[in-house]
C-alpha atoms as a PDB file:
ATOM      1  CA  MET A   1      58.357 129.290  56.946  1.00  0.00           C
ATOM      2  CA  GLN A   2      59.504 128.985  53.343  1.00  0.00           C
ATOM      3  CA  ARG A   3      57.170 130.435  50.755  1.00  0.00           C
ATOM      4  CA  THR A   4      56.168 128.558  47.607  1.00  0.00           C
ATOM      5  CA  THR A   5      57.782 130.031  44.504  1.00  0.00           C
ATOM      6  CA  PHE A   6      55.844 130.515  41.289  1.00  0.00           C
ATOM      7  CA  SER A   7      58.666 132.098  39.284  1.00  0.00           C
ATOM      8  CA  ASP A   8      59.254 128.992  37.170  1.00  0.00           C
ATOM      9  CA  MET A   9      55.620 128.606  36.106  1.00  0.00           C
ATOM     10  CA  ALA A  10      54.752 129.561  32.529  1.00  0.00           C
ATOM     11  CA  CYS A  11      52.029 131.893  33.795  1.00  0.00           C
ATOM     12  CA  SER A  12      52.293 135.664  34.113  1.00  0.00           C
ATOM     13  CA  ILE A  13      49.737 135.707  36.945  1.00  0.00           C
ATOM     14  CA  ALA A  14      51.785 133.175  38.929  1.00  0.00           C
ATOM     15  CA  ARG A  15      55.008 135.103  38.274  1.00  0.00           C
ATOM     16  CA  THR A  16      53.358 138.334  39.414  1.00  0.00           C
ATOM     17  CA  LEU A  17      52.208 136.599  42.596  1.00  0.00           C
ATOM     18  CA  ASP A  18      55.810 135.540  43.144  1.00  0.00           C
ATOM     19  CA  VAL A  19      56.658 139.247  43.361  1.00  0.00           C
ATOM     20  CA  ILE A  20      53.652 140.640  45.282  1.00  0.00           C
ATOM     21  CA  GLY A  21      51.573 137.642  46.386  1.00  0.00           C
ATOM     22  CA  GLU A  22      52.547 137.839  50.033  1.00  0.00           C
ATOM     23  CA  PRO A  23      49.747 139.803  51.782  1.00  0.00           C
ATOM     24  CA  TRP A  24      51.888 142.688  53.087  1.00  0.00           C
ATOM     25  CA  SER A  25      53.522 143.532  49.754  1.00  0.00           C
ATOM     26  CA  PRO A  26      50.566 145.259  48.037  1.00  0.00           C
ATOM     27  CA  LEU A  27      49.922 147.279  51.192  1.00  0.00           C
ATOM     28  CA  ILE A  28      53.565 148.356  51.335  1.00  0.00           C
ATOM     29  CA  LEU A  29      53.375 149.415  47.679  1.00  0.00           C
ATOM     30  CA  ARG A  30      50.193 151.353  48.420  1.00  0.00           C
ATOM     31  CA  ASP A  31      51.857 153.165  51.316  1.00  0.00           C
ATOM     32  CA  VAL A  32      54.918 154.097  49.259  1.00  0.00           C
ATOM     33  CA  TRP A  33      52.654 155.276  46.411  1.00  0.00           C
ATOM     34  CA  VAL A  34      50.735 157.631  48.714  1.00  0.00           C
ATOM     35  CA  GLY A  35      53.955 159.104  50.102  1.00  0.00           C
ATOM     36  CA  MET A  36      54.988 157.002  53.089  1.00  0.00           C
ATOM     37  CA  ARG A  37      58.599 156.389  52.183  1.00  0.00           C
ATOM     38  CA  ARG A  38      60.385 155.684  55.452  1.00  0.00           C
ATOM     39  CA  PHE A  39      60.461 152.389  57.323  1.00  0.00           C
ATOM     40  CA  ASP A  40      58.909 153.810  60.512  1.00  0.00           C
ATOM     41  CA  GLU A  41      56.066 155.474  58.576  1.00  0.00           C
ATOM     42  CA  ILE A  42      55.179 152.260  56.776  1.00  0.00           C
ATOM     43  CA  GLN A  43      55.544 150.163  59.923  1.00  0.00           C
ATOM     44  CA  GLY A  44      53.382 152.583  61.909  1.00  0.00           C
ATOM     45  CA  ASP A  45      50.657 152.623  59.275  1.00  0.00           C
ATOM     46  CA  LEU A  46      50.485 148.867  58.765  1.00  0.00           C
ATOM     47  CA  GLY A  47      51.309 147.623  62.246  1.00  0.00           C
ATOM     48  CA  VAL A  48      53.405 144.872  60.683  1.00  0.00           C
ATOM     49  CA  SER A  49      56.372 143.519  62.654  1.00  0.00           C
ATOM     50  CA  ARG A  50      59.754 145.088  61.912  1.00  0.00           C
ATOM     51  CA  LYS A  51      61.108 141.699  60.859  1.00  0.00           C
ATOM     52  CA  VAL A  52      58.342 141.058  58.335  1.00  0.00           C
ATOM     53  CA  LEU A  53      58.536 144.610  56.983  1.00  0.00           C
ATOM     54  CA  THR A  54      62.303 144.319  56.550  1.00  0.00           C
ATOM     55  CA  GLU A  55      61.881 141.032  54.671  1.00  0.00           C
ATOM     56  CA  ARG A  56      59.135 142.437  52.418  1.00  0.00           C
ATOM     57  CA  LEU A  57      61.040 145.649  51.652  1.00  0.00           C
ATOM     58  CA  ASN A  58      64.190 143.665  50.825  1.00  0.00           C
ATOM     59  CA  HIS A  59      62.182 141.386  48.530  1.00  0.00           C
ATOM     60  CA  LEU A  60      60.538 144.316  46.729  1.00  0.00           C
ATOM     61  CA  VAL A  61      63.913 146.005  46.278  1.00  0.00           C
ATOM     62  CA  ASP A  62      65.469 142.741  45.027  1.00  0.00           C
ATOM     63  CA  GLU A  63      62.607 142.383  42.530  1.00  0.00           C
ATOM     64  CA  GLY A  64      63.193 145.911  41.221  1.00  0.00           C
ATOM     65  CA  VAL A  65      59.786 147.179  42.373  1.00  0.00           C
ATOM     66  CA  LEU A  66      61.177 149.589  44.974  1.00  0.00           C
ATOM     67  CA  GLU A  67      64.490 151.361  45.242  1.00  0.00           C
ATOM     68  CA  ARG A  68      66.263 152.493  48.397  1.00  0.00           C
ATOM     69  CA  ARG A  69      67.540 156.058  48.685  1.00  0.00           C
ATOM     70  CA  PRO A  70      69.581 157.166  51.716  1.00  0.00           C
ATOM     71  CA  TYR A  71      68.154 160.143  53.597  1.00  0.00           C
ATOM     72  CA  ASP A  72      70.755 160.819  56.311  1.00  0.00           C
ATOM     73  CA  ASN A  73      74.287 159.857  57.373  1.00  0.00           C
ATOM     74  CA  ARG A  74      73.111 156.822  59.305  1.00  0.00           C
ATOM     75  CA  PRO A  75      72.208 153.782  57.242  1.00  0.00           C
ATOM     76  CA  ARG A  76      68.596 154.925  56.830  1.00  0.00           C
ATOM     77  CA  PHE A  77      66.663 154.774  53.617  1.00  0.00           C
ATOM     78  CA  GLU A  78      63.537 155.990  51.940  1.00  0.00           C
ATOM     79  CA  TYR A  79      61.738 153.697  49.541  1.00  0.00           C
ATOM     80  CA  HIS A  80      60.565 154.855  46.124  1.00  0.00           C
ATOM     81  CA  LEU A  81      58.610 153.125  43.397  1.00  0.00           C
ATOM     82  CA  THR A  82      60.539 152.198  40.273  1.00  0.00           C
ATOM     83  CA  VAL A  83      58.850 152.150  36.855  1.00  0.00           C
ATOM     84  CA  LYS A  84      58.158 148.464  37.494  1.00  0.00           C
ATOM     85  CA  GLY A  85      56.605 149.337  40.860  1.00  0.00           C
ATOM     86  CA  THR A  86      54.485 152.141  39.423  1.00  0.00           C
ATOM     87  CA  GLU A  87      53.009 149.710  36.913  1.00  0.00           C
ATOM     88  CA  LEU A  88      52.142 147.360  39.789  1.00  0.00           C
ATOM     89  CA  VAL A  89      50.231 150.222  41.417  1.00  0.00           C
ATOM     90  CA  ASP A  90      48.024 150.236  38.302  1.00  0.00           C
ATOM     91  CA  LEU A  91      47.135 146.652  39.213  1.00  0.00           C
ATOM     92  CA  LEU A  92      46.345 147.760  42.772  1.00  0.00           C
ATOM     93  CA  MET A  93      44.044 150.464  41.383  1.00  0.00           C
ATOM     94  CA  VAL A  94      42.027 147.769  39.612  1.00  0.00           C
ATOM     95  CA  MET A  95      41.950 145.732  42.854  1.00  0.00           C
ATOM     96  CA  LYS A  96      40.680 148.810  44.697  1.00  0.00           C
ATOM     97  CA  GLY A  97      37.776 149.063  42.247  1.00  0.00           C
ATOM     98  CA  TRP A  98      36.824 145.453  42.924  1.00  0.00           C
ATOM     99  CA  GLY A  99      37.061 146.072  46.666  1.00  0.00           C
ATOM    100  CA  ASP A 100      34.886 149.186  46.393  1.00  0.00           C
ATOM    101  CA  ARG A 101      32.221 147.212  44.565  1.00  0.00           C
ATOM    102  CA  TRP A 102      32.216 144.053  46.672  1.00  0.00           C
ATOM    103  CA  THR A 103      33.601 144.896  50.124  1.00  0.00           C
ATOM    104  CA  ALA A 104      33.052 148.614  50.891  1.00  0.00           C
ATOM    105  CA  GLY A 105      29.525 148.127  52.233  1.00  0.00           C
ATOM    106  CA  GLU A 106      26.986 150.902  52.715  1.00  0.00           C
ATOM    107  CA  ALA A 107      29.621 153.403  53.823  1.00  0.00           C
ATOM    108  CA  GLY A 108      31.052 153.388  50.321  1.00  0.00           C
ATOM    109  CA  PRO A 109      34.645 153.513  49.151  1.00  0.00           C
ATOM    110  CA  PRO A 110      37.214 154.859  51.631  1.00  0.00           C
ATOM    111  CA  ILE A 111      39.221 156.566  48.851  1.00  0.00           C
ATOM    112  CA  LEU A 112      38.208 158.238  45.588  1.00  0.00           C
ATOM    113  CA  TYR A 113      40.377 158.817  42.528  1.00  0.00           C
ATOM    114  CA  ARG A 114      40.376 162.231  40.865  1.00  0.00           C
ATOM    115  CA  HIS A 115      41.769 161.977  37.336  1.00  0.00           C
ATOM    116  CA  ARG A 116      44.332 164.774  36.930  1.00  0.00           C
ATOM    117  CA  ALA A 117      43.730 165.091  33.176  1.00  0.00           C
ATOM    118  CA  CYS A 118      40.037 166.001  33.486  1.00  0.00           C
ATOM    119  CA  GLY A 119      39.638 166.807  37.199  1.00  0.00           C
ATOM    120  CA  ARG A 120      36.722 164.383  37.610  1.00  0.00           C
ATOM    121  CA  ILE A 121      36.223 161.612  40.165  1.00  0.00           C
ATOM    122  CA  ALA A 122      36.637 158.393  38.208  1.00  0.00           C
ATOM    123  CA  ASP A 123      36.987 154.638  38.435  1.00  0.00           C
ATOM    124  CA  VAL A 124      39.707 152.632  36.731  1.00  0.00           C
ATOM    125  CA  ASP A 125      38.349 150.834  33.683  1.00  0.00           C
ATOM    126  CA  LEU A 126      40.050 148.031  31.733  1.00  0.00           C
ATOM    127  CA  ARG A 127      40.063 148.712  28.003  1.00  0.00           C
ATOM    128  CA  CYS A 128      41.557 147.043  24.948  1.00  0.00           C
ATOM    129  CA  ASP A 129      44.722 148.858  23.926  1.00  0.00           C
ATOM    130  CA  HIS A 130      43.794 148.415  20.224  1.00  0.00           C
ATOM    131  CA  CYS A 131      40.141 149.393  19.909  1.00  0.00           C
ATOM    132  CA  GLY A 132      39.455 151.141  23.244  1.00  0.00           C
ATOM    133  CA  GLU A 133      36.446 148.955  24.054  1.00  0.00           C
ATOM    134  CA  PRO A 134      35.918 147.650  27.612  1.00  0.00           C
ATOM    135  CA  MET A 135      37.825 144.426  28.223  1.00  0.00           C
ATOM    136  CA  HIS A 136      36.775 142.049  30.983  1.00  0.00           C
ATOM    137  CA  ALA A 137      37.142 138.327  31.677  1.00  0.00           C
ATOM    138  CA  GLY A 138      34.136 137.374  29.550  1.00  0.00           C
ATOM    139  CA  ASP A 139      35.420 139.410  26.582  1.00  0.00           C
ATOM    140  CA  VAL A 140      38.622 137.514  25.836  1.00  0.00           C
ATOM    141  CA  ASP A 141      39.755 134.217  24.378  1.00  0.00           C
ATOM    142  CA  LEU A 142      42.901 132.633  25.790  1.00  0.00           C
ATOM    143  CA  LEU A 143      45.451 131.672  23.146  1.00  0.00           C
ATOM    144  CA  PRO A 144      48.907 130.163  23.585  1.00  0.00           C
ATOM    145  CA  GLY A 145      51.629 132.815  23.623  1.00  0.00           C
ATOM    146  CA  PRO A 146      55.320 132.559  22.804  1.00  0.00           C
ATOM    147  CA  GLY A 147      56.154 131.706  26.428  1.00  0.00           C
ATOM    148  CA  MET A 148      53.884 128.663  26.360  1.00  0.00           C
ATOM    149  CA  ALA A 149      56.675 126.571  24.811  1.00  0.00           C
ATOM    150  CA  VAL A 150      58.135 126.331  28.320  1.00  0.00           C
ATOM    151  CA  VAL A 151      55.168 124.151  29.340  1.00  0.00           C
ATOM    152  CA  ALA A 152      56.041 121.625  26.654  1.00  0.00           C
ATOM    153  CA  ASP A 153      59.361 121.134  28.464  1.00  0.00           C
ATOM    154  CA  GLY A 154      57.464 120.230  31.646  1.00  0.00           C
ATOM    155  CA  ALA A 155      58.087 123.465  33.526  1.00  0.00           C
ATOM    156  CA  GLY A 156      55.017 125.101  34.922  1.00  0.00           C
ATOM    157  CA  ASP A 157      51.305 125.511  34.489  1.00  0.00           C
ATOM    158  CA  ALA A 158      49.709 128.107  32.259  1.00  0.00           C
ATOM    159  CA  ALA A 159      46.014 127.460  32.780  1.00  0.00           C
ATOM    160  CA  ALA A 160      45.032 131.145  32.609  1.00  0.00           C
ATOM    161  CA  GLY A 161      48.139 133.202  33.122  1.00  0.00           C
END
């Protein structure tokens, strides 16, 4: 089945979904982030078919989110996050916070984050990079950015991205 592409939309959210919007991709990134770097480790953890995992890994490598590194003489590779991939993990950390709040139930969150700088258990918090104040959906106004000119040419939708 061919997947819809969002790469031509003038919306950063849509373009991000074009990279990691398929359901297995964020889970693959999570596994690589926590240290599962080999195909069989990731496949064993997720239970995803080998075909789907191969397709997802190839896509993430093609997008520059993961890089392949050979680990023996056979054509076998480990997968490592690139800088681009590490920044996507920041997005996953925010998603984890939402999941802890709305889906963890009475048992509580399955994973906690200990901040290395202070040693404390902490949650990820969105803050303005200028003033340091909390920044959430109700705290912002949407203004046209320089990439919005693409919409005037009839390419894409930028409702909130």
